[in-house]
Protein backbone atom coordinates (compact mmCIF):
# COMPACT_ATOMS: atom_id res chain seq x y z
CA MET A 1 65.10 219.38 188.94
CA GLN A 2 63.20 216.15 188.49
CA THR A 3 63.71 213.43 191.07
CA ARG A 4 65.04 210.88 188.57
CA GLU A 5 67.59 213.34 187.21
CA HIS A 6 68.57 214.29 190.76
CA LEU A 7 69.15 210.63 191.62
CA HIS A 8 71.34 210.18 188.55
CA ARG A 9 73.43 213.16 189.60
CA LEU A 10 73.76 211.81 193.12
CA VAL A 11 74.93 208.44 191.82
CA ASP A 12 77.51 210.20 189.67
CA THR A 13 78.98 211.81 192.82
CA LEU A 14 79.28 208.57 194.80
CA PRO A 15 82.71 207.01 195.22
CA GLU A 16 83.15 203.70 193.38
CA SER A 17 83.29 201.89 196.73
CA GLU A 18 79.67 202.89 197.50
CA LEU A 19 78.04 202.03 194.17
CA THR A 20 77.31 198.43 195.13
CA ALA A 21 75.59 199.51 198.36
CA ALA A 22 73.55 202.12 196.47
CA ALA A 23 72.50 199.54 193.90
CA ARG A 24 71.42 197.10 196.63
CA PHE A 25 69.38 199.78 198.37
CA LEU A 26 67.65 200.88 195.16
CA THR A 27 66.92 197.24 194.28
CA TYR A 28 65.43 196.76 197.73
CA LEU A 29 63.19 199.81 197.30
CA ARG A 30 62.07 198.60 193.88
CA ASP A 31 61.26 195.15 195.22
CA VAL A 32 59.37 196.45 198.25
CA THR A 33 57.23 198.81 196.23
CA ALA A 34 56.49 196.12 193.63
CA GLN A 35 54.89 193.84 196.22
CA PRO A 36 51.11 193.87 196.69
CA ASP A 37 51.57 193.74 200.48
CA LYS A 38 54.21 196.38 201.15
CA GLY A 39 54.59 195.13 204.70
CA ALA A 40 55.94 191.81 203.46
CA PRO A 41 59.71 191.48 203.18
CA ALA A 42 61.25 191.65 199.73
CA ALA A 43 62.05 188.26 198.22
CA ALA A 44 65.73 189.16 198.07
CA LEU A 45 65.74 189.77 201.83
CA THR A 46 64.04 186.58 202.96
CA ASN A 47 65.28 183.07 203.51
CA GLU A 48 63.71 181.60 200.38
CA SER A 49 64.97 178.12 201.19
CA ALA A 50 63.11 178.06 204.52
CA ALA A 51 59.71 176.44 204.22
CA THR A 52 58.57 176.86 207.82
CA PRO A 53 56.18 179.67 208.78
CA ASP A 54 58.48 180.89 211.55
CA ALA A 55 61.34 181.39 209.10
CA ALA A 56 60.28 185.00 208.52
CA ALA A 57 60.87 185.72 212.21
CA ARG A 58 64.46 184.47 211.95
CA PRO A 59 67.11 187.21 211.64
CA LEU A 60 68.74 187.65 208.27
CA ARG A 61 72.28 186.47 207.83
CA LEU A 62 74.91 188.42 205.93
CA ALA A 63 74.94 185.64 203.36
CA ASP A 64 71.19 186.15 202.81
CA LEU A 65 71.91 189.76 201.88
CA GLY A 66 75.06 189.02 199.90
CA TRP A 67 77.04 191.33 202.21
CA THR A 68 80.59 190.93 203.45
CA GLN A 69 81.55 191.42 207.09
CA ARG A 70 83.14 194.72 206.09
CA GLN A 71 79.97 195.98 204.36
CA ALA A 72 77.92 195.06 207.42
CA ALA A 73 80.34 196.86 209.75
CA GLU A 74 80.34 199.98 207.56
CA THR A 75 76.54 199.99 207.40
CA ARG A 76 76.30 199.53 211.17
CA ALA A 77 78.69 202.45 211.70
CA ARG A 78 76.63 204.69 209.39
CA LEU A 79 73.38 203.79 211.14
CA ALA A 80 74.80 204.22 214.66
CA THR A 81 73.74 207.88 214.66
CA PHE A 82 70.09 206.74 214.54
CA GLU A 83 70.37 204.24 217.40
CA GLU A 84 69.25 206.56 220.21
CA ASP A 85 66.13 207.64 218.31
CA TRP A 86 65.43 204.11 217.10
CA ASP A 87 65.52 202.70 220.63
CA ALA A 88 63.60 205.58 222.23
CA PRO A 89 60.37 204.70 224.07
CA GLY A 90 57.34 204.81 221.78
CA MET A 91 59.31 204.11 218.61
CA GLU A 92 58.37 200.40 218.55
CA GLY A 93 55.21 201.36 216.67
CA TYR A 94 57.34 201.94 213.60
CA ASP A 95 58.47 198.29 213.67
CA ASP A 96 55.04 197.25 212.43
CA LEU A 97 55.09 199.55 209.39
């Protein structure tokens, strides 16, 4: 099965409540891969109104992402299973990718 067709089938199996999150993630992937410097953050995930060079180092706010508190909590809960690996010694090298 082709990847595109597989993705369409996966989307068809998602509950309605997850479609917005899936759309945001796919948009993020599209934006990241469309940038000449793939290490740069996607425009949708940056503070576009900030003109200072250190603005990129500032953490994103939920409002910057267009997320609600509930969406952030649900995402945090889903990613919690990765926390031990993410924080393991030696994994900081992946932060620069």
